[in-house]
């Protein structure tokens, strides 16, 4: 399968033609680490699918491509199992479970805002967001294992925050956290001071848990001398069009921890629905933190996927490939 190779250096994106290297062998259930420290392997990165009827037609093609690519060791899904205007009825979660079950290899899922924080919208059925989050936790975070036909053993943070996970795969430590769009479910107010959205108690408790999970994840990575850390969340914390004030704690914590980590740090997020690879994290003097890279995945009407080749022998560790699913391309109209 031919791919476009995307490498990142000092914030610049270079696109070349090429094919991927072979990845590690498939994992087996019940073990958190399956490849040797010197081995390379590839992982798939997706999210924000399926959106509406067209997405429900296109998303299976994405799954089929990932299943057919034997270099992929596992898939990371960064939230949003439906679009923001569809109802949060049980059928949406059942379909997501069916989709995850159709992956032949492990899938690790973190929640998005469309399946819980935004479910109080009238168009979504007027559900209680905390009740919908409890449903997500019961359906997708109730066992020690990942989703998918084959499993990865995960470490879950606690009974209160089981969706926050950690796992080790070869020389890389992985973290999944429930950090969502819609300003992290923090309270929002209109011009008169009336609260219009969000939940202060829920946000405060989960935000504290997320910051603690980042601390513990970086400490675990240092303890085993990981070459890199991958962090999976749903929110685009640098979105230009949405409120982002309540991601400040997370960005500050990431900056502190990344500066103190000797290897590479990769953040994977969805939310904004287009592929972007950049270096947006800054230090206290607004300097770019060079060992931090962000990959924002395809989504919504762009039903494609991106993968990361992990090579511990490469000082940069990560090389990215974009996969355009031919059958999911629109009929282009020349301007």
C-alpha atoms as a PDB file:
ATOM      1  CA  UNK A   1       0.000   0.000   0.000  1.00  0.00           C
ATOM      2  CA  UNK A   2       1.478   3.346  -1.026  1.00  0.00           C
ATOM      3  CA  UNK A   3       1.423   6.123   1.507  1.00  0.00           C
ATOM      4  CA  UNK A   4       2.399   9.743   1.941  1.00  0.00           C
ATOM      5  CA  UNK A   5       5.228  10.037   4.441  1.00  0.00           C
ATOM      6  CA  UNK A   6       5.050  12.996   6.798  1.00  0.00           C
ATOM      7  CA  UNK A   7       8.028  13.839   8.992  1.00  0.00           C
ATOM      8  CA  UNK A   8       8.277  16.634  11.520  1.00  0.00           C
ATOM      9  CA  UNK A   9      11.389  18.594  12.396  1.00  0.00           C
ATOM     10  CA  UNK A  10      11.504  21.809  14.445  1.00  0.00           C
ATOM     11  CA  UNK A  11       7.856  22.495  13.685  1.00  0.00           C
ATOM     12  CA  UNK A  12       8.073  22.127   9.890  1.00  0.00           C
ATOM     13  CA  UNK A  13       6.081  19.518   7.970  1.00  0.00           C
ATOM     14  CA  UNK A  14       7.746  17.763   5.035  1.00  0.00           C
ATOM     15  CA  UNK A  15       5.682  15.565   2.700  1.00  0.00           C
ATOM     16  CA  UNK A  16       7.441  12.888   0.688  1.00  0.00           C
ATOM     17  CA  UNK A  17       6.377   9.874  -1.326  1.00  0.00           C
ATOM     18  CA  UNK A  18       7.142   6.463   0.062  1.00  0.00           C
ATOM     19  CA  UNK A  19       6.020   3.220   1.628  1.00  0.00           C
ATOM     20  CA  UNK A  20       5.918   2.191   5.257  1.00  0.00           C
ATOM     21  CA  UNK A  21       8.345  -0.062   7.022  1.00  0.00           C
ATOM     22  CA  UNK A  22       7.082  -3.317   8.464  1.00  0.00           C
ATOM     23  CA  UNK A  23       5.755  -3.109  11.998  1.00  0.00           C
ATOM     24  CA  UNK A  24       5.905  -5.401  14.971  1.00  0.00           C
ATOM     25  CA  UNK A  25       3.980  -8.635  15.192  1.00  0.00           C
ATOM     26  CA  UNK A  26       0.395  -8.735  16.427  1.00  0.00           C
ATOM     27  CA  UNK A  27      -0.127  -8.602  20.186  1.00  0.00           C
ATOM     28  CA  UNK A  28      -1.754 -11.246  22.310  1.00  0.00           C
ATOM     29  CA  UNK A  29      -4.282 -10.761  25.072  1.00  0.00           C
ATOM     30  CA  UNK A  30      -3.264 -10.346  28.677  1.00  0.00           C
ATOM     31  CA  UNK A  31       0.127  -8.740  28.180  1.00  0.00           C
ATOM     32  CA  UNK A  32       0.951  -5.035  28.194  1.00  0.00           C
ATOM     33  CA  UNK A  33       4.197  -5.151  26.208  1.00  0.00           C
ATOM     34  CA  UNK A  34       4.836  -7.324  23.171  1.00  0.00           C
ATOM     35  CA  UNK A  35       7.842  -6.031  21.279  1.00  0.00           C
ATOM     36  CA  UNK A  36      11.500  -5.754  22.110  1.00  0.00           C
ATOM     37  CA  UNK A  37      13.047  -2.404  22.960  1.00  0.00           C
ATOM     38  CA  UNK A  38      14.842  -2.234  19.612  1.00  0.00           C
ATOM     39  CA  UNK A  39      11.827  -3.168  17.471  1.00  0.00           C
ATOM     40  CA  UNK A  40       9.783  -0.762  15.380  1.00  0.00           C
ATOM     41  CA  UNK A  41       6.059  -1.017  14.774  1.00  0.00           C
ATOM     42  CA  UNK A  42       3.164   1.080  13.460  1.00  0.00           C
ATOM     43  CA  UNK A  43      -0.093   2.228  15.044  1.00  0.00           C
ATOM     44  CA  UNK A  44      -3.286   3.681  13.536  1.00  0.00           C
ATOM     45  CA  UNK A  45      -4.727   6.997  14.757  1.00  0.00           C
ATOM     46  CA  UNK A  46      -8.412   7.823  14.153  1.00  0.00           C
ATOM     47  CA  UNK A  47     -11.409   9.564  15.701  1.00  0.00           C
ATOM     48  CA  UNK A  48     -14.562  11.629  15.089  1.00  0.00           C
ATOM     49  CA  UNK A  49     -16.260   8.794  13.164  1.00  0.00           C
ATOM     50  CA  UNK A  50     -18.870   7.948  12.061  1.00  0.00           C
ATOM     51  CA  UNK A  51     -20.684  11.262  11.579  1.00  0.00           C
ATOM     52  CA  UNK A  52     -24.221  10.872  10.247  1.00  0.00           C
ATOM     53  CA  UNK A  53     -25.491   8.511   7.572  1.00  0.00           C
ATOM     54  CA  UNK A  54     -22.617   9.213   5.191  1.00  0.00           C
ATOM     55  CA  UNK A  55     -20.111   8.489   7.923  1.00  0.00           C
ATOM     56  CA  UNK A  56     -21.821   5.242   8.784  1.00  0.00           C
ATOM     57  CA  UNK A  57     -21.274   4.203   5.164  1.00  0.00           C
ATOM     58  CA  UNK A  58     -17.650   5.355   5.031  1.00  0.00           C
ATOM     59  CA  UNK A  59     -16.289   4.373   8.441  1.00  0.00           C
ATOM     60  CA  UNK A  60     -16.342   0.601   7.744  1.00  0.00           C
ATOM     61  CA  UNK A  61     -13.966   1.259   4.824  1.00  0.00           C
ATOM     62  CA  UNK A  62     -11.507   2.878   7.232  1.00  0.00           C
ATOM     63  CA  UNK A  63     -11.760  -0.140   9.528  1.00  0.00           C
ATOM     64  CA  UNK A  64     -11.274  -2.513   6.600  1.00  0.00           C
ATOM     65  CA  UNK A  65      -8.099  -0.707   5.489  1.00  0.00           C
ATOM     66  CA  UNK A  66      -6.643  -0.823   8.997  1.00  0.00           C
ATOM     67  CA  UNK A  67      -7.506  -4.519   9.327  1.00  0.00           C
ATOM     68  CA  UNK A  68      -5.863  -5.235   5.970  1.00  0.00           C
ATOM     69  CA  UNK A  69      -2.636  -3.456   6.913  1.00  0.00           C
ATOM     70  CA  UNK A  70      -0.624  -6.083   8.774  1.00  0.00           C
ATOM     71  CA  UNK A  71       1.971  -3.536   9.879  1.00  0.00           C
ATOM     72  CA  UNK A  72      -0.534  -2.002  12.319  1.00  0.00           C
ATOM     73  CA  UNK A  73      -0.131  -3.253  15.889  1.00  0.00           C
ATOM     74  CA  UNK A  74      -3.124  -1.432  17.398  1.00  0.00           C
ATOM     75  CA  UNK A  75      -5.467   1.520  16.847  1.00  0.00           C
ATOM     76  CA  UNK A  76      -6.002   4.584  19.015  1.00  0.00           C
ATOM     77  CA  UNK A  77      -9.459   6.213  18.739  1.00  0.00           C
ATOM     78  CA  UNK A  78      -9.506   9.773  20.078  1.00  0.00           C
ATOM     79  CA  UNK A  79     -13.197  10.211  20.783  1.00  0.00           C
ATOM     80  CA  UNK A  80     -16.511  11.242  19.164  1.00  0.00           C
ATOM     81  CA  UNK A  81     -18.446   8.166  18.109  1.00  0.00           C
ATOM     82  CA  UNK A  82     -21.134  10.361  16.474  1.00  0.00           C
ATOM     83  CA  UNK A  83     -21.617  13.950  15.365  1.00  0.00           C
ATOM     84  CA  UNK A  84     -22.643  16.788  17.666  1.00  0.00           C
ATOM     85  CA  UNK A  85     -26.230  17.109  16.427  1.00  0.00           C
ATOM     86  CA  UNK A  86     -27.290  13.458  16.625  1.00  0.00           C
ATOM     87  CA  UNK A  87     -29.166  12.112  19.621  1.00  0.00           C
ATOM     88  CA  UNK A  88     -27.286  10.359  22.412  1.00  0.00           C
ATOM     89  CA  UNK A  89     -29.599   7.351  22.337  1.00  0.00           C
ATOM     90  CA  UNK A  90     -28.493   3.843  23.250  1.00  0.00           C
ATOM     91  CA  UNK A  91     -28.263   2.807  19.608  1.00  0.00           C
ATOM     92  CA  UNK A  92     -25.323   5.158  19.030  1.00  0.00           C
ATOM     93  CA  UNK A  93     -23.278   3.441  21.749  1.00  0.00           C
ATOM     94  CA  UNK A  94     -24.310  -0.010  20.548  1.00  0.00           C
ATOM     95  CA  UNK A  95     -23.120   0.869  17.039  1.00  0.00           C
ATOM     96  CA  UNK A  96     -19.803   2.126  18.453  1.00  0.00           C
ATOM     97  CA  UNK A  97     -19.353  -1.156  20.324  1.00  0.00           C
ATOM     98  CA  UNK A  98     -20.060  -3.071  17.113  1.00  0.00           C
ATOM     99  CA  UNK A  99     -17.567  -0.942  15.197  1.00  0.00           C
ATOM    100  CA  UNK A 100     -14.845  -1.421  17.804  1.00  0.00           C
ATOM    101  CA  UNK A 101     -15.522  -5.170  17.809  1.00  0.00           C
ATOM    102  CA  UNK A 102     -14.896  -5.256  14.059  1.00  0.00           C
ATOM    103  CA  UNK A 103     -11.224  -4.262  14.494  1.00  0.00           C
ATOM    104  CA  UNK A 104      -9.118  -7.394  14.265  1.00  0.00           C
ATOM    105  CA  UNK A 105      -6.410  -5.935  16.492  1.00  0.00           C
ATOM    106  CA  UNK A 106      -6.657  -3.887  19.698  1.00  0.00           C
ATOM    107  CA  UNK A 107      -8.464  -0.556  19.859  1.00  0.00           C
ATOM    108  CA  UNK A 108      -7.934   1.902  22.704  1.00  0.00           C
ATOM    109  CA  UNK A 109     -10.722   4.479  23.028  1.00  0.00           C
ATOM    110  CA  UNK A 110     -10.964   7.735  24.953  1.00  0.00           C
ATOM    111  CA  UNK A 111     -14.308   9.581  25.188  1.00  0.00           C
ATOM    112  CA  UNK A 112     -15.219  12.624  23.132  1.00  0.00           C
ATOM    113  CA  UNK A 113     -17.591  15.473  23.934  1.00  0.00           C
ATOM    114  CA  UNK A 114     -20.221  14.302  21.445  1.00  0.00           C
ATOM    115  CA  UNK A 115     -20.970  11.176  23.462  1.00  0.00           C
ATOM    116  CA  UNK A 116     -21.344  12.809  26.866  1.00  0.00           C
ATOM    117  CA  UNK A 117     -20.679  16.513  27.566  1.00  0.00           C
ATOM    118  CA  UNK A 118     -22.871  17.707  24.682  1.00  0.00           C
ATOM    119  CA  UNK A 119     -25.705  15.246  25.234  1.00  0.00           C
ATOM    120  CA  UNK A 120     -27.719  17.859  27.173  1.00  0.00           C
ATOM    121  CA  UNK A 121     -28.433  19.659  23.897  1.00  0.00           C
ATOM    122  CA  UNK A 122     -32.069  19.457  22.810  1.00  0.00           C
ATOM    123  CA  UNK A 123     -30.956  18.006  19.471  1.00  0.00           C
ATOM    124  CA  UNK A 124     -29.088  15.292  21.387  1.00  0.00           C
ATOM    125  CA  UNK A 125     -32.113  14.271  23.430  1.00  0.00           C
ATOM    126  CA  UNK A 126     -31.576  16.425  26.514  1.00  0.00           C
ATOM    127  CA  UNK A 127     -29.651  13.756  28.417  1.00  0.00           C
ATOM    128  CA  UNK A 128     -27.730  14.321  31.627  1.00  0.00           C
ATOM    129  CA  UNK A 129     -24.050  14.395  30.587  1.00  0.00           C
ATOM    130  CA  UNK A 130     -22.841  12.662  33.742  1.00  0.00           C
ATOM    131  CA  UNK A 131     -25.305   9.828  33.147  1.00  0.00           C
ATOM    132  CA  UNK A 132     -24.064   9.442  29.560  1.00  0.00           C
ATOM    133  CA  UNK A 133     -20.447   9.398  30.803  1.00  0.00           C
ATOM    134  CA  UNK A 134     -21.406   6.658  33.264  1.00  0.00           C
ATOM    135  CA  UNK A 135     -22.808   4.696  30.302  1.00  0.00           C
ATOM    136  CA  UNK A 136     -19.558   5.176  28.351  1.00  0.00           C
ATOM    137  CA  UNK A 137     -17.589   3.914  31.341  1.00  0.00           C
ATOM    138  CA  UNK A 138     -19.812   0.835  31.746  1.00  0.00           C
ATOM    139  CA  UNK A 139     -19.713  -0.097  28.074  1.00  0.00           C
ATOM    140  CA  UNK A 140     -16.128   0.732  27.122  1.00  0.00           C
ATOM    141  CA  UNK A 141     -14.030   0.901  30.305  1.00  0.00           C
ATOM    142  CA  UNK A 142     -15.265  -1.862  32.584  1.00  0.00           C
ATOM    143  CA  UNK A 143     -12.528  -4.463  32.013  1.00  0.00           C
ATOM    144  CA  UNK A 144      -8.716  -4.402  32.226  1.00  0.00           C
ATOM    145  CA  UNK A 145      -8.486  -4.945  28.469  1.00  0.00           C
ATOM    146  CA  UNK A 146      -8.724  -2.808  25.345  1.00  0.00           C
ATOM    147  CA  UNK A 147     -11.478  -3.114  22.784  1.00  0.00           C
ATOM    148  CA  UNK A 148     -11.077  -5.008  19.496  1.00  0.00           C
ATOM    149  CA  UNK A 149     -10.993  -8.715  18.674  1.00  0.00           C
ATOM    150  CA  UNK A 150      -7.488  -9.006  20.090  1.00  0.00           C
ATOM    151  CA  UNK A 151      -6.725  -7.253  23.341  1.00  0.00           C
ATOM    152  CA  UNK A 152      -4.102  -5.183  25.061  1.00  0.00           C
ATOM    153  CA  UNK A 153      -3.966  -5.216  28.847  1.00  0.00           C
ATOM    154  CA  UNK A 154      -4.465  -1.680  30.191  1.00  0.00           C
ATOM    155  CA  UNK A 155      -3.855  -0.029  33.540  1.00  0.00           C
ATOM    156  CA  UNK A 156      -6.936   2.000  34.469  1.00  0.00           C
ATOM    157  CA  UNK A 157      -6.565   4.990  36.757  1.00  0.00           C
ATOM    158  CA  UNK A 158      -9.324   4.186  39.251  1.00  0.00           C
ATOM    159  CA  UNK A 159     -12.910   3.070  39.677  1.00  0.00           C
ATOM    160  CA  UNK A 160     -13.969   6.720  39.417  1.00  0.00           C
ATOM    161  CA  UNK A 161     -11.966   7.385  36.238  1.00  0.00           C
ATOM    162  CA  UNK A 162     -11.625   4.030  34.452  1.00  0.00           C
ATOM    163  CA  UNK A 163     -11.495   5.667  31.008  1.00  0.00           C
ATOM    164  CA  UNK A 164      -8.049   7.075  31.868  1.00  0.00           C
ATOM    165  CA  UNK A 165      -5.591   4.362  30.870  1.00  0.00           C
ATOM    166  CA  UNK A 166      -1.900   3.572  30.547  1.00  0.00           C
ATOM    167  CA  UNK A 167      -0.078   0.804  28.711  1.00  0.00           C
ATOM    168  CA  UNK A 168       3.467  -0.009  27.685  1.00  0.00           C
ATOM    169  CA  UNK A 169       4.277  -1.216  24.191  1.00  0.00           C
ATOM    170  CA  UNK A 170       7.943  -1.797  23.518  1.00  0.00           C
ATOM    171  CA  UNK A 171       9.963   1.333  24.267  1.00  0.00           C
ATOM    172  CA  UNK A 172       6.949   3.657  24.408  1.00  0.00           C
ATOM    173  CA  UNK A 173       4.579   4.517  27.265  1.00  0.00           C
ATOM    174  CA  UNK A 174       0.982   5.333  26.224  1.00  0.00           C
ATOM    175  CA  UNK A 175      -1.585   7.395  28.130  1.00  0.00           C
ATOM    176  CA  UNK A 176      -5.283   7.930  27.404  1.00  0.00           C
ATOM    177  CA  UNK A 177      -7.166  10.710  29.190  1.00  0.00           C
ATOM    178  CA  UNK A 178     -10.726  12.026  29.224  1.00  0.00           C
ATOM    179  CA  UNK A 179     -10.000  15.593  28.120  1.00  0.00           C
ATOM    180  CA  UNK A 180     -12.817  16.700  25.840  1.00  0.00           C
ATOM    181  CA  UNK A 181     -13.813  19.543  23.589  1.00  0.00           C
ATOM    182  CA  UNK A 182     -16.497  22.004  24.671  1.00  0.00           C
ATOM    183  CA  UNK A 183     -13.867  23.539  26.986  1.00  0.00           C
ATOM    184  CA  UNK A 184     -13.431  20.351  29.014  1.00  0.00           C
ATOM    185  CA  UNK A 185     -17.031  20.489  30.337  1.00  0.00           C
ATOM    186  CA  UNK A 186     -16.133  23.534  32.460  1.00  0.00           C
ATOM    187  CA  UNK A 187     -18.924  26.034  33.211  1.00  0.00           C
ATOM    188  CA  UNK A 188     -19.761  28.524  30.455  1.00  0.00           C
ATOM    189  CA  UNK A 189     -21.613  31.809  31.019  1.00  0.00           C
ATOM    190  CA  UNK A 190     -23.525  34.253  28.843  1.00  0.00           C
ATOM    191  CA  UNK A 191     -23.110  38.026  28.883  1.00  0.00           C
ATOM    192  CA  UNK A 192     -25.500  38.362  31.826  1.00  0.00           C
ATOM    193  CA  UNK A 193     -23.448  35.950  33.940  1.00  0.00           C
ATOM    194  CA  UNK A 194     -25.950  33.101  33.645  1.00  0.00           C
ATOM    195  CA  UNK A 195     -24.392  29.628  33.339  1.00  0.00           C
ATOM    196  CA  UNK A 196     -25.265  28.102  29.977  1.00  0.00           C
ATOM    197  CA  UNK A 197     -23.222  24.900  29.917  1.00  0.00           C
ATOM    198  CA  UNK A 198     -20.750  22.770  31.837  1.00  0.00           C
ATOM    199  CA  UNK A 199     -20.518  21.286  35.324  1.00  0.00           C
ATOM    200  CA  UNK A 200     -18.079  22.767  37.824  1.00  0.00           C
ATOM    201  CA  UNK A 201     -17.973  19.799  40.205  1.00  0.00           C
ATOM    202  CA  UNK A 202     -17.520  17.260  37.401  1.00  0.00           C
ATOM    203  CA  UNK A 203     -14.868  19.332  35.644  1.00  0.00           C
ATOM    204  CA  UNK A 204     -12.929  20.043  38.848  1.00  0.00           C
ATOM    205  CA  UNK A 205     -12.721  16.390  39.897  1.00  0.00           C
ATOM    206  CA  UNK A 206     -11.851  15.053  36.441  1.00  0.00           C
ATOM    207  CA  UNK A 207      -9.330  17.816  35.742  1.00  0.00           C
ATOM    208  CA  UNK A 208      -7.496  16.996  38.979  1.00  0.00           C
ATOM    209  CA  UNK A 209      -7.537  13.298  38.060  1.00  0.00           C
ATOM    210  CA  UNK A 210      -6.169  14.061  34.582  1.00  0.00           C
ATOM    211  CA  UNK A 211      -3.292  16.137  35.943  1.00  0.00           C
ATOM    212  CA  UNK A 212      -2.454  13.361  38.408  1.00  0.00           C
ATOM    213  CA  UNK A 213      -2.591  10.761  35.609  1.00  0.00           C
ATOM    214  CA  UNK A 214      -0.130  12.777  33.550  1.00  0.00           C
ATOM    215  CA  UNK A 215       2.247  12.981  36.516  1.00  0.00           C
ATOM    216  CA  UNK A 216       1.998   9.255  37.115  1.00  0.00           C
ATOM    217  CA  UNK A 217       2.367   8.436  33.419  1.00  0.00           C
ATOM    218  CA  UNK A 218       5.562  10.412  32.975  1.00  0.00           C
ATOM    219  CA  UNK A 219       6.947   8.908  36.182  1.00  0.00           C
ATOM    220  CA  UNK A 220       6.164   5.401  34.889  1.00  0.00           C
ATOM    221  CA  UNK A 221       7.841   6.191  31.565  1.00  0.00           C
ATOM    222  CA  UNK A 222      10.980   7.431  33.306  1.00  0.00           C
ATOM    223  CA  UNK A 223      11.044   4.374  35.554  1.00  0.00           C
ATOM    224  CA  UNK A 224      11.250   2.003  32.573  1.00  0.00           C
ATOM    225  CA  UNK A 225      13.431   4.385  30.513  1.00  0.00           C
ATOM    226  CA  UNK A 226      10.900   4.753  27.711  1.00  0.00           C
ATOM    227  CA  UNK A 227      12.132   6.404  24.538  1.00  0.00           C
ATOM    228  CA  UNK A 228       8.841   8.247  24.100  1.00  0.00           C
ATOM    229  CA  UNK A 229       5.388   8.933  25.511  1.00  0.00           C
ATOM    230  CA  UNK A 230       2.147   9.027  23.496  1.00  0.00           C
ATOM    231  CA  UNK A 231      -0.829  10.875  25.013  1.00  0.00           C
ATOM    232  CA  UNK A 232      -4.300  10.423  23.529  1.00  0.00           C
ATOM    233  CA  UNK A 233      -7.108  12.917  24.200  1.00  0.00           C
ATOM    234  CA  UNK A 234     -10.139  14.155  22.267  1.00  0.00           C
ATOM    235  CA  UNK A 235      -9.904  17.942  22.663  1.00  0.00           C
ATOM    236  CA  UNK A 236      -8.124  20.295  20.298  1.00  0.00           C
ATOM    237  CA  UNK A 237      -6.652  22.448  23.067  1.00  0.00           C
ATOM    238  CA  UNK A 238      -5.401  25.002  20.521  1.00  0.00           C
ATOM    239  CA  UNK A 239      -8.687  25.411  18.614  1.00  0.00           C
ATOM    240  CA  UNK A 240      -9.153  28.948  17.331  1.00  0.00           C
ATOM    241  CA  UNK A 241     -12.951  28.895  17.183  1.00  0.00           C
ATOM    242  CA  UNK A 242     -13.887  27.296  20.522  1.00  0.00           C
ATOM    243  CA  UNK A 243     -13.331  28.299  24.167  1.00  0.00           C
ATOM    244  CA  UNK A 244     -10.106  26.747  25.466  1.00  0.00           C
ATOM    245  CA  UNK A 245      -9.496  28.498  28.807  1.00  0.00           C
ATOM    246  CA  UNK A 246      -9.994  25.328  30.830  1.00  0.00           C
ATOM    247  CA  UNK A 247      -7.186  23.477  29.068  1.00  0.00           C
ATOM    248  CA  UNK A 248      -4.613  25.841  30.591  1.00  0.00           C
ATOM    249  CA  UNK A 249      -3.826  23.485  33.487  1.00  0.00           C
ATOM    250  CA  UNK A 250      -3.259  20.606  31.091  1.00  0.00           C
ATOM    251  CA  UNK A 251      -1.011  22.581  28.750  1.00  0.00           C
ATOM    252  CA  UNK A 252       1.031  23.899  31.686  1.00  0.00           C
ATOM    253  CA  UNK A 253       1.426  20.395  33.096  1.00  0.00           C
ATOM    254  CA  UNK A 254       2.402  19.011  29.684  1.00  0.00           C
ATOM    255  CA  UNK A 255       5.021  21.728  29.272  1.00  0.00           C
ATOM    256  CA  UNK A 256       6.521  21.058  32.698  1.00  0.00           C
ATOM    257  CA  UNK A 257       6.616  17.307  32.218  1.00  0.00           C
ATOM    258  CA  UNK A 258       7.854  17.388  28.617  1.00  0.00           C
ATOM    259  CA  UNK A 259      10.728  19.730  29.495  1.00  0.00           C
ATOM    260  CA  UNK A 260      11.759  17.248  32.181  1.00  0.00           C
ATOM    261  CA  UNK A 261      11.483  14.171  29.952  1.00  0.00           C
ATOM    262  CA  UNK A 262      14.582  13.060  27.988  1.00  0.00           C
ATOM    263  CA  UNK A 263      12.670  11.500  25.085  1.00  0.00           C
ATOM    264  CA  UNK A 264       9.953  12.459  22.609  1.00  0.00           C
ATOM    265  CA  UNK A 265       6.357  13.277  23.572  1.00  0.00           C
ATOM    266  CA  UNK A 266       3.490  12.848  21.102  1.00  0.00           C
ATOM    267  CA  UNK A 267      -0.009  14.218  21.721  1.00  0.00           C
ATOM    268  CA  UNK A 268      -2.830  12.764  19.585  1.00  0.00           C
ATOM    269  CA  UNK A 269      -6.161  14.603  19.452  1.00  0.00           C
ATOM    270  CA  UNK A 270      -9.276  14.850  17.324  1.00  0.00           C
ATOM    271  CA  UNK A 271     -12.083  17.397  17.653  1.00  0.00           C
ATOM    272  CA  UNK A 272     -11.229  19.701  14.719  1.00  0.00           C
ATOM    273  CA  UNK A 273     -11.592  17.056  11.983  1.00  0.00           C
ATOM    274  CA  UNK A 274      -8.566  17.708   9.776  1.00  0.00           C
ATOM    275  CA  UNK A 275      -5.068  16.293   9.728  1.00  0.00           C
ATOM    276  CA  UNK A 276      -2.495  18.573  11.320  1.00  0.00           C
ATOM    277  CA  UNK A 277       1.016  17.843  12.554  1.00  0.00           C
ATOM    278  CA  UNK A 278       2.722  20.625  14.463  1.00  0.00           C
ATOM    279  CA  UNK A 279       4.586  21.690  17.595  1.00  0.00           C
ATOM    280  CA  UNK A 280       2.189  24.010  19.476  1.00  0.00           C
ATOM    281  CA  UNK A 281       3.474  23.632  23.060  1.00  0.00           C
ATOM    282  CA  UNK A 282       5.425  26.593  24.471  1.00  0.00           C
ATOM    283  CA  UNK A 283       7.557  27.211  27.535  1.00  0.00           C
ATOM    284  CA  UNK A 284       7.273  30.156  29.950  1.00  0.00           C
ATOM    285  CA  UNK A 285       9.159  32.410  27.493  1.00  0.00           C
ATOM    286  CA  UNK A 286       7.029  31.338  24.494  1.00  0.00           C
ATOM    287  CA  UNK A 287       9.766  29.149  23.031  1.00  0.00           C
ATOM    288  CA  UNK A 288       8.635  26.042  21.153  1.00  0.00           C
ATOM    289  CA  UNK A 289       9.221  22.851  23.129  1.00  0.00           C
ATOM    290  CA  UNK A 290      10.943  20.831  20.437  1.00  0.00           C
ATOM    291  CA  UNK A 291      10.529  17.311  21.850  1.00  0.00           C
ATOM    292  CA  UNK A 292       6.719  17.721  21.830  1.00  0.00           C
ATOM    293  CA  UNK A 293       4.707  16.952  18.669  1.00  0.00           C
ATOM    294  CA  UNK A 294       0.946  17.073  18.151  1.00  0.00           C
ATOM    295  CA  UNK A 295      -0.976  14.996  15.595  1.00  0.00           C
ATOM    296  CA  UNK A 296      -4.586  15.957  14.981  1.00  0.00           C
ATOM    297  CA  UNK A 297      -6.498  13.195  13.225  1.00  0.00           C
ATOM    298  CA  UNK A 298      -8.958  13.169  10.336  1.00  0.00           C
ATOM    299  CA  UNK A 299     -12.667  13.153  11.153  1.00  0.00           C
ATOM    300  CA  UNK A 300     -16.235  14.189  10.316  1.00  0.00           C
ATOM    301  CA  UNK A 301     -16.554  14.142   6.492  1.00  0.00           C
ATOM    302  CA  UNK A 302     -12.841  13.302   6.099  1.00  0.00           C
ATOM    303  CA  UNK A 303     -13.075   9.551   6.697  1.00  0.00           C
ATOM    304  CA  UNK A 304      -9.388   8.704   6.436  1.00  0.00           C
ATOM    305  CA  UNK A 305      -6.659   7.738   8.883  1.00  0.00           C
ATOM    306  CA  UNK A 306      -3.112   8.478   9.884  1.00  0.00           C
ATOM    307  CA  UNK A 307      -0.520   6.124  11.288  1.00  0.00           C
ATOM    308  CA  UNK A 308       2.660   6.557  13.267  1.00  0.00           C
ATOM    309  CA  UNK A 309       5.729   4.431  12.706  1.00  0.00           C
ATOM    310  CA  UNK A 310       7.522   4.050  16.036  1.00  0.00           C
ATOM    311  CA  UNK A 311      11.251   3.424  15.695  1.00  0.00           C
ATOM    312  CA  UNK A 312      13.134   3.570  19.023  1.00  0.00           C
ATOM    313  CA  UNK A 313      16.454   3.711  17.141  1.00  0.00           C
ATOM    314  CA  UNK A 314      15.416   7.023  15.536  1.00  0.00           C
ATOM    315  CA  UNK A 315      16.113   9.995  17.847  1.00  0.00           C
ATOM    316  CA  UNK A 316      12.778  11.512  16.753  1.00  0.00           C
ATOM    317  CA  UNK A 317      11.016   8.112  17.268  1.00  0.00           C
ATOM    318  CA  UNK A 318       7.904   9.012  15.202  1.00  0.00           C
ATOM    319  CA  UNK A 319       7.277   9.103  11.456  1.00  0.00           C
ATOM    320  CA  UNK A 320       3.739   9.733  10.238  1.00  0.00           C
ATOM    321  CA  UNK A 321       1.837   8.327   7.258  1.00  0.00           C
ATOM    322  CA  UNK A 322      -1.473   9.664   5.988  1.00  0.00           C
ATOM    323  CA  UNK A 323      -3.891   7.152   4.472  1.00  0.00           C
ATOM    324  CA  UNK A 324      -6.526   8.557   2.110  1.00  0.00           C
ATOM    325  CA  UNK A 325      -9.312   6.011   1.657  1.00  0.00           C
ATOM    326  CA  UNK A 326      -9.996   6.273  -2.068  1.00  0.00           C
ATOM    327  CA  UNK A 327     -13.640   5.251  -1.870  1.00  0.00           C
ATOM    328  CA  UNK A 328     -14.250   7.968   0.745  1.00  0.00           C
ATOM    329  CA  UNK A 329     -12.952  10.852  -1.377  1.00  0.00           C
ATOM    330  CA  UNK A 330     -15.639  13.278  -2.549  1.00  0.00           C
ATOM    331  CA  UNK A 331     -16.364  14.098  -6.164  1.00  0.00           C
ATOM    332  CA  UNK A 332     -14.198  17.182  -6.589  1.00  0.00           C
ATOM    333  CA  UNK A 333     -15.458  20.270  -8.421  1.00  0.00           C
ATOM    334  CA  UNK A 334     -12.799  22.346 -10.131  1.00  0.00           C
ATOM    335  CA  UNK A 335     -12.843  26.012  -9.048  1.00  0.00           C
END
